[in-house]
C-alpha atoms as a PDB file:
ATOM      1  CA  MET A   1      12.711  57.542  42.110  1.00  0.00           C
ATOM      2  CA  SER A   2      13.845  61.110  42.783  1.00  0.00           C
ATOM      3  CA  TYR A   3      13.919  64.100  40.419  1.00  0.00           C
ATOM      4  CA  PHE A   4      15.966  67.257  40.585  1.00  0.00           C
ATOM      5  CA  ILE A   5      14.062  70.509  39.969  1.00  0.00           C
ATOM      6  CA  ARG A   6      16.268  73.362  38.819  1.00  0.00           C
ATOM      7  CA  ASN A   7      15.492  77.007  39.612  1.00  0.00           C
ATOM      8  CA  GLY A   8      18.313  79.204  38.326  1.00  0.00           C
ATOM      9  CA  ASN A   9      21.520  77.777  39.834  1.00  0.00           C
ATOM     10  CA  THR A  10      19.749  75.868  42.565  1.00  0.00           C
ATOM     11  CA  PHE A  11      18.391  72.325  42.518  1.00  0.00           C
ATOM     12  CA  ARG A  12      15.714  70.838  44.714  1.00  0.00           C
ATOM     13  CA  VAL A  13      15.059  67.139  45.180  1.00  0.00           C
ATOM     14  CA  SER A  14      11.482  66.060  44.579  1.00  0.00           C
ATOM     15  CA  ALA A  15       9.748  62.712  44.355  1.00  0.00           C
ATOM     16  CA  GLU A  16       7.893  61.912  41.162  1.00  0.00           C
ATOM     17  CA  GLU A  17       4.529  61.784  42.927  1.00  0.00           C
ATOM     18  CA  ALA A  18       5.068  65.338  44.218  1.00  0.00           C
ATOM     19  CA  MET A  19       5.512  66.732  40.721  1.00  0.00           C
ATOM     20  CA  ASP A  20       2.563  68.044  38.729  1.00  0.00           C
ATOM     21  CA  LEU A  21       3.729  69.532  35.454  1.00  0.00           C
ATOM     22  CA  HIS A  22       1.412  71.438  33.100  1.00  0.00           C
ATOM     23  CA  VAL A  23       2.115  72.513  29.555  1.00  0.00           C
ATOM     24  CA  THR A  24      -0.358  75.377  29.976  1.00  0.00           C
ATOM     25  CA  LEU A  25      -1.752  77.257  32.953  1.00  0.00           C
ATOM     26  CA  PRO A  26      -5.042  75.610  33.974  1.00  0.00           C
ATOM     27  CA  VAL A  27      -8.204  77.699  33.816  1.00  0.00           C
ATOM     28  CA  GLY A  28      -8.766  79.528  37.083  1.00  0.00           C
ATOM     29  CA  ASN A  29      -7.875  82.715  38.944  1.00  0.00           C
ATOM     30  CA  TYR A  30      -4.364  83.486  40.149  1.00  0.00           C
ATOM     31  CA  THR A  31      -2.459  86.252  41.906  1.00  0.00           C
ATOM     32  CA  VAL A  32       1.208  87.117  41.420  1.00  0.00           C
ATOM     33  CA  LYS A  33       3.375  86.591  44.504  1.00  0.00           C
ATOM     34  CA  GLN A  34       7.046  87.104  45.297  1.00  0.00           C
ATOM     35  CA  ASP A  35       9.162  84.963  47.623  1.00  0.00           C
ATOM     36  CA  MET A  36      11.860  86.202  49.982  1.00  0.00           C
ATOM     37  CA  PHE A  37      14.489  85.846  47.250  1.00  0.00           C
ATOM     38  CA  GLY A  38      12.551  88.023  44.823  1.00  0.00           C
ATOM     39  CA  ASN A  39      11.308  85.173  42.648  1.00  0.00           C
ATOM     40  CA  LEU A  40       7.832  85.659  41.183  1.00  0.00           C
ATOM     41  CA  PHE A  41       5.247  82.891  41.134  1.00  0.00           C
ATOM     42  CA  LEU A  42       1.511  82.386  40.695  1.00  0.00           C
ATOM     43  CA  GLU A  43      -0.827  81.377  43.502  1.00  0.00           C
ATOM     44  CA  MET A  44      -4.242  79.977  42.659  1.00  0.00           C
ATOM     45  CA  VAL A  45      -7.177  81.736  44.342  1.00  0.00           C
ATOM     46  CA  ASP A  46     -10.928  81.201  44.267  1.00  0.00           C
ATOM     47  CA  SER A  47     -12.597  81.858  40.943  1.00  0.00           C
ATOM     48  CA  PHE A  48     -15.391  84.403  40.789  1.00  0.00           C
ATOM     49  CA  ALA A  49     -18.733  82.907  41.759  1.00  0.00           C
ATOM     50  CA  PRO A  50     -21.176  82.462  38.864  1.00  0.00           C
ATOM     51  CA  LEU A  51     -23.534  85.417  38.627  1.00  0.00           C
ATOM     52  CA  LYS A  52     -27.241  84.682  38.991  1.00  0.00           C
ATOM     53  CA  LYS A  53     -28.311  87.430  36.611  1.00  0.00           C
ATOM     54  CA  LEU A  54     -26.680  90.284  34.733  1.00  0.00           C
ATOM     55  CA  TYR A  55     -28.465  93.598  34.418  1.00  0.00           C
ATOM     56  CA  GLY A  56     -28.171  96.368  31.864  1.00  0.00           C
ATOM     57  CA  SER A  57     -25.435  96.118  29.232  1.00  0.00           C
ATOM     58  CA  THR A  58     -22.975  94.023  31.272  1.00  0.00           C
ATOM     59  CA  GLN A  59     -23.271  90.867  29.176  1.00  0.00           C
ATOM     60  CA  LYS A  60     -23.307  92.803  25.899  1.00  0.00           C
ATOM     61  CA  ASN A  61     -20.136  94.689  26.840  1.00  0.00           C
ATOM     62  CA  ALA A  62     -18.395  91.523  28.022  1.00  0.00           C
ATOM     63  CA  ASP A  63     -19.239  89.720  24.775  1.00  0.00           C
ATOM     64  CA  ARG A  64     -17.954  92.628  22.684  1.00  0.00           C
ATOM     65  CA  ILE A  65     -14.686  92.946  24.613  1.00  0.00           C
ATOM     66  CA  LEU A  66     -13.940  89.216  24.388  1.00  0.00           C
ATOM     67  CA  ASN A  67     -14.889  89.111  20.714  1.00  0.00           C
ATOM     68  CA  THR A  68     -12.536  92.022  19.983  1.00  0.00           C
ATOM     69  CA  TYR A  69      -9.763  90.395  22.009  1.00  0.00           C
ATOM     70  CA  ASN A  70     -10.203  87.046  20.229  1.00  0.00           C
ATOM     71  CA  SER A  71     -10.136  88.710  16.812  1.00  0.00           C
ATOM     72  CA  ARG A  72      -6.820  90.527  17.401  1.00  0.00           C
ATOM     73  CA  ASP A  73      -3.336  88.990  17.311  1.00  0.00           C
ATOM     74  CA  VAL A  74      -1.906  91.466  19.828  1.00  0.00           C
ATOM     75  CA  SER A  75      -2.656  92.326  23.428  1.00  0.00           C
ATOM     76  CA  THR A  76      -5.765  94.386  24.145  1.00  0.00           C
ATOM     77  CA  GLY A  77      -6.220  96.851  27.006  1.00  0.00           C
ATOM     78  CA  VAL A  78      -9.548  97.771  28.591  1.00  0.00           C
ATOM     79  CA  MET A  79     -10.107 100.405  31.281  1.00  0.00           C
ATOM     80  CA  LEU A  80     -13.280 100.316  33.381  1.00  0.00           C
ATOM     81  CA  ALA A  81     -13.719 103.595  35.252  1.00  0.00           C
ATOM     82  CA  GLY A  82     -16.317 104.534  37.853  1.00  0.00           C
ATOM     83  CA  GLU A  83     -17.142 104.770  41.530  1.00  0.00           C
ATOM     84  CA  LYS A  84     -17.584 101.727  43.729  1.00  0.00           C
ATOM     85  CA  GLY A  85     -20.898 100.045  43.021  1.00  0.00           C
ATOM     86  CA  SER A  86     -21.155 101.565  39.549  1.00  0.00           C
ATOM     87  CA  GLY A  87     -20.912  98.241  37.722  1.00  0.00           C
ATOM     88  CA  LYS A  88     -17.258  98.183  36.623  1.00  0.00           C
ATOM     89  CA  SER A  89     -16.305  95.310  38.956  1.00  0.00           C
ATOM     90  CA  LEU A  90     -19.345  93.380  37.765  1.00  0.00           C
ATOM     91  CA  LEU A  91     -18.114  93.662  34.180  1.00  0.00           C
ATOM     92  CA  ALA A  92     -14.564  92.679  35.199  1.00  0.00           C
ATOM     93  CA  LYS A  93     -15.875  89.560  36.949  1.00  0.00           C
ATOM     94  CA  THR A  94     -18.078  88.743  33.962  1.00  0.00           C
ATOM     95  CA  LEU A  95     -15.053  88.948  31.658  1.00  0.00           C
ATOM     96  CA  SER A  96     -13.191  86.496  33.889  1.00  0.00           C
ATOM     97  CA  ILE A  97     -16.134  84.083  34.089  1.00  0.00           C
ATOM     98  CA  GLU A  98     -16.811  84.199  30.348  1.00  0.00           C
ATOM     99  CA  GLY A  99     -13.095  83.937  29.607  1.00  0.00           C
ATOM    100  CA  ALA A 100     -12.868  80.784  31.716  1.00  0.00           C
ATOM    101  CA  LYS A 101     -15.571  79.216  29.533  1.00  0.00           C
ATOM    102  CA  GLN A 102     -13.206  79.788  26.600  1.00  0.00           C
ATOM    103  CA  GLY A 103     -10.253  78.254  28.433  1.00  0.00           C
ATOM    104  CA  ILE A 104      -8.687  81.602  29.379  1.00  0.00           C
ATOM    105  CA  PRO A 105      -7.299  81.926  32.946  1.00  0.00           C
ATOM    106  CA  THR A 106      -7.312  85.199  34.902  1.00  0.00           C
ATOM    107  CA  ILE A 107      -4.292  86.654  36.699  1.00  0.00           C
ATOM    108  CA  ILE A 108      -5.159  89.318  39.265  1.00  0.00           C
ATOM    109  CA  ILE A 109      -2.553  92.008  39.977  1.00  0.00           C
ATOM    110  CA  ASN A 110      -3.038  93.706  43.353  1.00  0.00           C
ATOM    111  CA  THR A 111       0.619  94.582  44.052  1.00  0.00           C
ATOM    112  CA  PRO A 112       2.483  97.282  42.069  1.00  0.00           C
ATOM    113  CA  PHE A 113       4.836  94.975  40.189  1.00  0.00           C
ATOM    114  CA  THR A 114       6.918  96.636  37.429  1.00  0.00           C
ATOM    115  CA  GLY A 115      10.300  96.270  35.816  1.00  0.00           C
ATOM    116  CA  ASP A 116      12.168  93.822  33.619  1.00  0.00           C
ATOM    117  CA  ALA A 117      11.749  90.818  35.926  1.00  0.00           C
ATOM    118  CA  PHE A 118       7.981  91.261  36.104  1.00  0.00           C
ATOM    119  CA  ASN A 119       7.670  91.914  32.379  1.00  0.00           C
ATOM    120  CA  LYS A 120       9.681  88.793  31.586  1.00  0.00           C
ATOM    121  CA  PHE A 121       7.594  86.760  34.029  1.00  0.00           C
ATOM    122  CA  MET A 122       4.418  87.864  32.252  1.00  0.00           C
ATOM    123  CA  GLN A 123       6.040  87.262  28.855  1.00  0.00           C
ATOM    124  CA  ASP A 124       6.961  83.704  29.874  1.00  0.00           C
ATOM    125  CA  ILE A 125       3.259  82.976  30.291  1.00  0.00           C
ATOM    126  CA  GLU A 126       2.856  82.535  26.554  1.00  0.00           C
ATOM    127  CA  GLN A 127      -0.784  81.468  26.480  1.00  0.00           C
ATOM    128  CA  ARG A 128      -3.780  83.809  26.309  1.00  0.00           C
ATOM    129  CA  CYS A 129      -4.671  85.268  29.725  1.00  0.00           C
ATOM    130  CA  ILE A 130      -6.813  87.970  31.266  1.00  0.00           C
ATOM    131  CA  ILE A 131      -4.604  90.233  33.386  1.00  0.00           C
ATOM    132  CA  LEU A 132      -6.828  92.091  35.849  1.00  0.00           C
ATOM    133  CA  PHE A 133      -5.396  95.185  37.551  1.00  0.00           C
ATOM    134  CA  ASP A 134      -7.931  95.914  40.296  1.00  0.00           C
ATOM    135  CA  GLU A 135      -8.190  99.575  41.423  1.00  0.00           C
ATOM    136  CA  PHE A 136      -5.204 100.386  39.249  1.00  0.00           C
ATOM    137  CA  GLU A 137      -4.756 104.023  40.270  1.00  0.00           C
ATOM    138  CA  LYS A 138      -4.763 103.106  43.979  1.00  0.00           C
ATOM    139  CA  VAL A 139      -2.319 100.196  43.710  1.00  0.00           C
ATOM    140  CA  TYR A 140       0.067 101.916  41.288  1.00  0.00           C
ATOM    141  CA  SER A 141       1.578 105.314  42.105  1.00  0.00           C
ATOM    142  CA  ASP A 142       2.294 107.838  39.346  1.00  0.00           C
ATOM    143  CA  ASN A 143       5.864 106.546  38.926  1.00  0.00           C
ATOM    144  CA  ASP A 144       4.735 102.916  38.988  1.00  0.00           C
ATOM    145  CA  GLN A 145       2.099 103.660  36.327  1.00  0.00           C
ATOM    146  CA  GLU A 146       4.795 105.169  34.114  1.00  0.00           C
ATOM    147  CA  ALA A 147       6.897 102.039  34.550  1.00  0.00           C
ATOM    148  CA  ALA A 148       3.941  99.801  33.668  1.00  0.00           C
ATOM    149  CA  LEU A 149       3.516 101.338  30.213  1.00  0.00           C
ATOM    150  CA  THR A 150       6.064  98.958  28.680  1.00  0.00           C
ATOM    151  CA  LEU A 151       3.882  95.982  29.546  1.00  0.00           C
ATOM    152  CA  LEU A 152       0.811  97.606  27.991  1.00  0.00           C
ATOM    153  CA  ASP A 153       2.628  98.772  24.865  1.00  0.00           C
ATOM    154  CA  GLY A 154       2.550  95.325  23.322  1.00  0.00           C
ATOM    155  CA  VAL A 155       6.345  95.242  23.002  1.00  0.00           C
ATOM    156  CA  PHE A 156       6.343  91.664  24.248  1.00  0.00           C
ATOM    157  CA  PRO A 157       5.005  89.084  21.756  1.00  0.00           C
ATOM    158  CA  SER A 158       1.985  87.827  23.634  1.00  0.00           C
ATOM    159  CA  GLN A 159      -1.785  88.059  23.434  1.00  0.00           C
ATOM    160  CA  LYS A 160      -3.122  89.210  26.780  1.00  0.00           C
ATOM    161  CA  LEU A 161      -6.353  90.957  27.706  1.00  0.00           C
ATOM    162  CA  PHE A 162      -5.365  93.676  30.171  1.00  0.00           C
ATOM    163  CA  VAL A 163      -8.354  94.833  32.248  1.00  0.00           C
ATOM    164  CA  LEU A 164      -7.808  97.847  34.495  1.00  0.00           C
ATOM    165  CA  THR A 165     -10.477  99.004  36.938  1.00  0.00           C
ATOM    166  CA  CYS A 166     -10.198 102.452  38.487  1.00  0.00           C
ATOM    167  CA  ASN A 167     -12.372 104.709  40.614  1.00  0.00           C
ATOM    168  CA  ASP A 168     -10.927 107.945  39.194  1.00  0.00           C
ATOM    169  CA  LYS A 169      -9.724 107.895  35.575  1.00  0.00           C
ATOM    170  CA  TRP A 170      -8.070 111.290  36.036  1.00  0.00           C
ATOM    171  CA  ARG A 171      -5.542 109.680  38.382  1.00  0.00           C
ATOM    172  CA  VAL A 172      -4.475 107.289  35.634  1.00  0.00           C
ATOM    173  CA  ASN A 173      -1.285 108.221  33.784  1.00  0.00           C
ATOM    174  CA  GLN A 174      -1.968 110.711  30.997  1.00  0.00           C
ATOM    175  CA  HIS A 175      -0.002 108.558  28.535  1.00  0.00           C
ATOM    176  CA  MET A 176      -2.745 105.936  28.768  1.00  0.00           C
ATOM    177  CA  ARG A 177      -5.452 108.359  27.643  1.00  0.00           C
ATOM    178  CA  ASN A 178      -6.326 108.508  23.957  1.00  0.00           C
ATOM    179  CA  ARG A 179      -3.839 105.700  23.282  1.00  0.00           C
ATOM    180  CA  PRO A 180      -5.799 102.734  21.871  1.00  0.00           C
ATOM    181  CA  GLY A 181      -2.498 100.931  21.311  1.00  0.00           C
ATOM    182  CA  ARG A 182      -2.255 100.638  25.093  1.00  0.00           C
ATOM    183  CA  ILE A 183      -5.863 100.905  26.232  1.00  0.00           C
ATOM    184  CA  PHE A 184      -8.151  99.898  23.363  1.00  0.00           C
ATOM    185  CA  TYR A 185     -11.450 100.392  25.203  1.00  0.00           C
ATOM    186  CA  MET A 186     -12.330 102.968  27.862  1.00  0.00           C
ATOM    187  CA  ILE A 187     -15.731 102.466  29.489  1.00  0.00           C
ATOM    188  CA  ASP A 188     -17.109 105.067  31.905  1.00  0.00           C
ATOM    189  CA  PHE A 189     -19.594 103.906  34.516  1.00  0.00           C
ATOM    190  CA  ALA A 190     -21.391 107.146  35.397  1.00  0.00           C
ATOM    191  CA  GLY A 191     -24.258 105.676  37.377  1.00  0.00           C
ATOM    192  CA  LEU A 192     -26.634 102.830  36.618  1.00  0.00           C
ATOM    193  CA  GLU A 193     -28.438 102.697  33.305  1.00  0.00           C
ATOM    194  CA  HIS A 194     -32.218 103.133  33.238  1.00  0.00           C
ATOM    195  CA  GLU A 195     -32.614  99.566  31.924  1.00  0.00           C
ATOM    196  CA  PHE A 196     -30.497  98.219  34.786  1.00  0.00           C
ATOM    197  CA  ILE A 197     -32.695  99.925  37.395  1.00  0.00           C
ATOM    198  CA  VAL A 198     -35.951  98.745  35.795  1.00  0.00           C
ATOM    199  CA  GLU A 199     -34.760  95.147  35.433  1.00  0.00           C
ATOM    200  CA  TYR A 200     -33.503  94.996  39.009  1.00  0.00           C
ATOM    201  CA  CYS A 201     -36.718  96.485  40.402  1.00  0.00           C
ATOM    202  CA  ASN A 202     -38.834  94.063  38.369  1.00  0.00           C
ATOM    203  CA  ASP A 203     -36.904  91.208  39.981  1.00  0.00           C
ATOM    204  CA  THR A 204     -36.684  92.451  43.567  1.00  0.00           C
ATOM    205  CA  LEU A 205     -39.129  95.298  44.323  1.00  0.00           C
ATOM    206  CA  ILE A 206     -42.386  94.056  45.845  1.00  0.00           C
ATOM    207  CA  ASN A 207     -44.518  97.054  44.847  1.00  0.00           C
ATOM    208  CA  LYS A 208     -43.839  97.399  41.124  1.00  0.00           C
ATOM    209  CA  HIS A 209     -45.998 100.553  41.058  1.00  0.00           C
ATOM    210  CA  TYR A 210     -42.972 102.492  42.365  1.00  0.00           C
ATOM    211  CA  ILE A 211     -40.478 101.528  39.636  1.00  0.00           C
ATOM    212  CA  GLU A 212     -40.682 104.796  37.696  1.00  0.00           C
ATOM    213  CA  LYS A 213     -40.431 106.769  40.930  1.00  0.00           C
ATOM    214  CA  VAL A 214     -37.257 104.858  41.779  1.00  0.00           C
ATOM    215  CA  CYS A 215     -35.925 105.897  38.362  1.00  0.00           C
ATOM    216  CA  ALA A 216     -36.842 109.497  39.159  1.00  0.00           C
ATOM    217  CA  ILE A 217     -34.910 109.250  42.438  1.00  0.00           C
ATOM    218  CA  ALA A 218     -31.897 107.976  40.476  1.00  0.00           C
ATOM    219  CA  ALA A 219     -32.035 111.057  38.240  1.00  0.00           C
ATOM    220  CA  LEU A 220     -31.271 113.258  41.261  1.00  0.00           C
ATOM    221  CA  PHE A 221     -27.784 111.762  41.492  1.00  0.00           C
ATOM    222  CA  GLU A 222     -24.848 112.318  39.208  1.00  0.00           C
ATOM    223  CA  GLN A 223     -23.819 108.701  39.853  1.00  0.00           C
ATOM    224  CA  PHE A 224     -26.589 106.527  41.254  1.00  0.00           C
ATOM    225  CA  ASN A 225     -24.790 103.259  42.022  1.00  0.00           C
ATOM    226  CA  PHE A 226     -25.841  99.699  42.750  1.00  0.00           C
ATOM    227  CA  ASP A 227     -25.274 100.065  46.499  1.00  0.00           C
ATOM    228  CA  MET A 228     -27.841 102.875  46.559  1.00  0.00           C
ATOM    229  CA  LEU A 229     -30.354 100.953  44.458  1.00  0.00           C
ATOM    230  CA  LYS A 230     -30.024  97.783  46.501  1.00  0.00           C
ATOM    231  CA  ALA A 231     -30.409  99.642  49.810  1.00  0.00           C
ATOM    232  CA  LEU A 232     -33.371 101.665  48.529  1.00  0.00           C
ATOM    233  CA  VAL A 233     -35.272  98.591  47.319  1.00  0.00           C
ATOM    234  CA  GLU A 234     -34.456  96.755  50.548  1.00  0.00           C
ATOM    235  CA  GLU A 235     -35.820  99.622  52.643  1.00  0.00           C
ATOM    236  CA  MET A 236     -38.950  99.982  50.515  1.00  0.00           C
ATOM    237  CA  ASN A 237     -39.703  96.265  50.772  1.00  0.00           C
ATOM    238  CA  ARG A 238     -39.067  96.165  54.512  1.00  0.00           C
ATOM    239  CA  TYR A 239     -41.399  99.046  55.405  1.00  0.00           C
ATOM    240  CA  ASN A 240     -43.725  99.084  52.381  1.00  0.00           C
ATOM    241  CA  GLU A 241     -42.734 102.702  51.716  1.00  0.00           C
ATOM    242  CA  ALA A 242     -42.632 104.984  48.722  1.00  0.00           C
ATOM    243  CA  PRO A 243     -39.073 105.668  47.503  1.00  0.00           C
ATOM    244  CA  ALA A 244     -39.082 109.278  48.725  1.00  0.00           C
ATOM    245  CA  ASP A 245     -39.929 108.116  52.262  1.00  0.00           C
ATOM    246  CA  ALA A 246     -37.379 105.300  52.196  1.00  0.00           C
ATOM    247  CA  MET A 247     -34.664 107.764  51.134  1.00  0.00           C
ATOM    248  CA  LYS A 248     -35.074 110.024  54.152  1.00  0.00           C
ATOM    249  CA  MET A 249     -32.815 108.006  56.456  1.00  0.00           C
ATOM    250  CA  LEU A 250     -30.566 106.288  53.913  1.00  0.00           C
ATOM    251  CA  ASN A 251     -26.954 107.366  53.519  1.00  0.00           C
ATOM    252  CA  ALA A 252     -27.693 108.427  49.949  1.00  0.00           C
ATOM    253  CA  LYS A 253     -28.168 112.178  49.571  1.00  0.00           C
ATOM    254  CA  PRO A 254     -28.342 113.960  46.179  1.00  0.00           C
ATOM    255  CA  GLU A 255     -26.605 117.020  47.575  1.00  0.00           C
ATOM    256  CA  PHE A 256     -23.435 114.947  48.074  1.00  0.00           C
ATOM    257  CA  ASN A 257     -23.151 114.712  44.267  1.00  0.00           C
ATOM    258  CA  ASN A 258     -24.307 118.002  42.812  1.00  0.00           C
ATOM    259  CA  LYS A 259     -25.182 120.090  45.879  1.00  0.00           C
ATOM    260  CA  GLY A 260     -28.805 119.969  44.717  1.00  0.00           C
ATOM    261  CA  ASN A 261     -28.183 122.429  41.842  1.00  0.00           C
ATOM    262  CA  PHE A 262     -30.052 122.297  38.527  1.00  0.00           C
ATOM    263  CA  ASP A 263     -29.688 124.365  35.366  1.00  0.00           C
ATOM    264  CA  VAL A 264     -32.913 126.057  34.250  1.00  0.00           C
ATOM    265  CA  GLN A 265     -34.451 126.133  30.775  1.00  0.00           C
ATOM    266  CA  LEU A 266     -37.846 127.835  30.471  1.00  0.00           C
ATOM    267  CA  PHE A 267     -40.447 128.127  27.730  1.00  0.00           C
ATOM    268  CA  ALA A 268     -42.981 130.851  28.566  1.00  0.00           C
ATOM    269  CA  LYS A 269     -44.793 133.693  26.813  1.00  0.00           C
ATOM    270  CA  ASN A 270     -44.962 131.376  23.787  1.00  0.00           C
ATOM    271  CA  ARG A 271     -41.181 131.338  23.344  1.00  0.00           C
ATOM    272  CA  LEU A 272     -37.933 130.075  24.828  1.00  0.00           C
ATOM    273  CA  ILE A 273     -36.727 132.491  27.500  1.00  0.00           C
ATOM    274  CA  THR A 274     -33.109 133.445  26.870  1.00  0.00           C
ATOM    275  CA  GLU A 275     -30.400 132.968  29.468  1.00  0.00           C
ATOM    276  CA  ALA A 276     -29.997 136.751  29.721  1.00  0.00           C
ATOM    277  CA  GLU A 277     -33.661 137.085  30.657  1.00  0.00           C
ATOM    278  CA  LEU A 278     -33.541 134.411  33.360  1.00  0.00           C
ATOM    279  CA  GLU A 279     -33.132 135.732  36.869  1.00  0.00           C
ATOM    280  CA  THR A 280     -33.179 132.145  38.144  1.00  0.00           C
ATOM    281  CA  LYS A 281     -30.447 130.474  36.099  1.00  0.00           C
ATOM    282  CA  VAL A 282     -29.695 127.782  38.670  1.00  0.00           C
ATOM    283  CA  TRP A 283     -32.364 126.241  40.873  1.00  0.00           C
ATOM    284  CA  HIS A 284     -31.506 124.544  44.171  1.00  0.00           C
ATOM    285  CA  GLY A 285     -33.657 121.836  45.715  1.00  0.00           C
ATOM    286  CA  ASN A 286     -35.322 118.490  45.085  1.00  0.00           C
ATOM    287  CA  PRO A 287     -37.467 118.442  41.913  1.00  0.00           C
ATOM    288  CA  LEU A 288     -39.522 115.547  43.253  1.00  0.00           C
ATOM    289  CA  ASN A 289     -40.633 117.431  46.359  1.00  0.00           C
ATOM    290  CA  GLY A 290     -39.946 121.098  45.772  1.00  0.00           C
ATOM    291  CA  HIS A 291     -42.166 123.910  44.530  1.00  0.00           C
ATOM    292  CA  VAL A 292     -40.211 125.501  41.666  1.00  0.00           C
ATOM    293  CA  GLN A 293     -40.382 129.242  40.985  1.00  0.00           C
ATOM    294  CA  VAL A 294     -38.481 130.739  38.055  1.00  0.00           C
ATOM    295  CA  GLU A 295     -38.242 134.515  37.704  1.00  0.00           C
ATOM    296  CA  PHE A 296     -37.391 136.205  34.430  1.00  0.00           C
ATOM    297  CA  ASP A 297     -37.209 139.703  32.969  1.00  0.00           C
ATOM    298  CA  THR A 298     -38.333 140.159  29.353  1.00  0.00           C
ATOM    299  CA  ASP A 299     -36.429 143.468  29.204  1.00  0.00           C
ATOM    300  CA  PRO A 300     -33.017 142.677  30.767  1.00  0.00           C
ATOM    301  CA  GLU A 301     -31.337 145.665  29.068  1.00  0.00           C
ATOM    302  CA  GLY A 302     -33.912 148.158  30.383  1.00  0.00           C
ATOM    303  CA  LYS A 303     -35.078 149.412  27.013  1.00  0.00           C
ATOM    304  CA  LEU A 304     -38.647 149.819  28.274  1.00  0.00           C
ATOM    305  CA  ASN A 305     -37.786 151.844  31.385  1.00  0.00           C
ATOM    306  CA  ASP A 306     -39.835 154.812  30.188  1.00  0.00           C
ATOM    307  CA  THR A 307     -42.994 152.744  29.875  1.00  0.00           C
ATOM    308  CA  ASP A 308     -45.326 151.379  32.500  1.00  0.00           C
ATOM    309  CA  GLU A 309     -45.127 147.905  31.038  1.00  0.00           C
ATOM    310  CA  ASN A 310     -44.246 145.216  33.599  1.00  0.00           C
ATOM    311  CA  THR A 311     -41.346 143.112  32.307  1.00  0.00           C
ATOM    312  CA  TRP A 312     -40.873 140.844  35.347  1.00  0.00           C
ATOM    313  CA  PHE A 313     -42.678 137.519  35.507  1.00  0.00           C
ATOM    314  CA  THR A 314     -42.669 134.352  37.578  1.00  0.00           C
ATOM    315  CA  SER A 315     -43.442 130.847  36.353  1.00  0.00           C
ATOM    316  CA  GLU A 316     -44.429 128.363  39.062  1.00  0.00           C
ATOM    317  CA  PHE A 317     -44.393 124.569  38.964  1.00  0.00           C
ATOM    318  CA  THR A 318     -45.471 121.951  41.505  1.00  0.00           C
ATOM    319  CA  PRO A 319     -44.284 118.334  41.830  1.00  0.00           C
ATOM    320  CA  ASN A 320     -47.662 117.226  40.410  1.00  0.00           C
ATOM    321  CA  GLU A 321     -46.795 119.090  37.191  1.00  0.00           C
ATOM    322  CA  LEU A 322     -43.666 117.002  36.659  1.00  0.00           C
ATOM    323  CA  LYS A 323     -44.301 115.240  33.333  1.00  0.00           C
ATOM    324  CA  THR A 324     -41.033 113.612  32.256  1.00  0.00           C
ATOM    325  CA  VAL A 325     -37.878 112.308  33.907  1.00  0.00           C
ATOM    326  CA  GLU A 326     -34.673 111.246  32.129  1.00  0.00           C
ATOM    327  CA  PRO A 327     -32.648 109.396  34.789  1.00  0.00           C
ATOM    328  CA  GLN A 328     -29.486 108.994  32.722  1.00  0.00           C
ATOM    329  CA  ASN A 329     -29.320 112.708  31.839  1.00  0.00           C
ATOM    330  CA  GLY A 330     -30.735 114.051  35.097  1.00  0.00           C
ATOM    331  CA  LYS A 331     -33.491 115.991  33.333  1.00  0.00           C
ATOM    332  CA  PHE A 332     -36.879 116.848  34.865  1.00  0.00           C
ATOM    333  CA  GLY A 333     -39.593 118.283  32.617  1.00  0.00           C
ATOM    334  CA  TYR A 334     -42.642 120.227  33.875  1.00  0.00           C
ATOM    335  CA  THR A 335     -45.720 121.723  32.237  1.00  0.00           C
ATOM    336  CA  ASN A 336     -47.948 123.976  34.362  1.00  0.00           C
ATOM    337  CA  ALA A 337     -51.588 125.034  33.975  1.00  0.00           C
ATOM    338  CA  ASP A 338     -50.535 128.157  32.017  1.00  0.00           C
ATOM    339  CA  GLY A 339     -48.734 126.036  29.434  1.00  0.00           C
ATOM    340  CA  ASP A 340     -45.281 127.132  30.592  1.00  0.00           C
ATOM    341  CA  GLN A 341     -42.643 124.419  30.227  1.00  0.00           C
ATOM    342  CA  LEU A 342     -39.601 123.983  32.439  1.00  0.00           C
ATOM    343  CA  VAL A 343     -36.619 121.653  32.166  1.00  0.00           C
ATOM    344  CA  LEU A 344     -34.314 121.255  35.166  1.00  0.00           C
ATOM    345  CA  THR A 345     -31.007 119.551  34.341  1.00  0.00           C
ATOM    346  CA  ARG A 346     -28.837 118.191  37.126  1.00  0.00           C
ATOM    347  CA  ARG A 347     -25.531 120.033  37.228  1.00  0.00           C
ATOM    348  CA  LYS A 348     -22.395 117.926  37.055  1.00  0.00           C
ATOM    349  CA  GLU A 349     -20.304 117.936  40.192  1.00  0.00           C
ATOM    350  CA  THR A 350     -17.090 118.574  38.260  1.00  0.00           C
ATOM    351  CA  GLN A 351     -16.601 120.198  34.895  1.00  0.00           C
ATOM    352  CA  TYR A 352     -13.505 118.881  33.112  1.00  0.00           C
ATOM    353  CA  ASN A 353     -11.464 120.829  30.614  1.00  0.00           C
ATOM    354  CA  TYR A 354     -10.463 118.019  28.279  1.00  0.00           C
ATOM    355  CA  LEU A 355      -7.995 120.241  26.452  1.00  0.00           C
ATOM    356  CA  ALA A 356      -6.025 120.765  29.655  1.00  0.00           C
ATOM    357  CA  PHE A 357      -4.786 117.183  29.836  1.00  0.00           C
END
């Protein structure tokens, strides 16, 4: 027996055994495609492979996002921003995998579809779905991003979880910033968390004695990503090296992020030295290897010029006097034999004026 399948004003003949009708979209991953006549359709692709282990806050964030999405009766937008290897793609994949366990399929958008036809196509998929826009700011131009706002506005009566990954959030349309109605969550991935690094090293680093030194290496970078960590541990295991030695030939250089510059804060002469007194306000180098000298003048305004009192001093610190490291904040704390205390804070590569946007 034959059946006639209608698409618009056209009919196609199909045998019953060739038909496979579904009331809902089966769980899985799909991409949106367009045929030569402009008709949109879904093509099933491979689902994301199950992850052996999640590090840091990935699982916690995924659980929170899905819980929020499930508790709302409107669409929810989530933006995951950060460099490649920062963990944003890991969270996006985790959302898809966990969503599949709840019967929610994932539709991946990697072509800049916009307009009424695309919006209606997405609206016609009435069930709950995760819509993943991968590298949103690269796929969608400024004009295309503007056109996509209608879909994110929740004008259409559907409950979708829109997940947008981007490498540079400042290239995302300004009308998506500070608009929870469109993008409910914005998560910045500014380098790996300390817990992530420790967990990964405990699992993969042969010489566990070096874990804290690996964390100290991470503090040199504004954004220490997973690619760097994986390569560093691999190199250390292969040659049984300390992290500083393994870093020498790796394509991972702190100066690429912050040009090796650190802000200086000094406690000496039994008090905090003011910024006006500091001759060395910015120190350049590697705190793990370098010998740090900080010069300061206790009389910057020259009020004691008529006296013989020396107002210039130098505090010196060696790598062995490094006492504390805060990888997430890029802070290195020293205490020398004289009791002077120094904090070097990694300078950010770019300072943003939030009021300018």
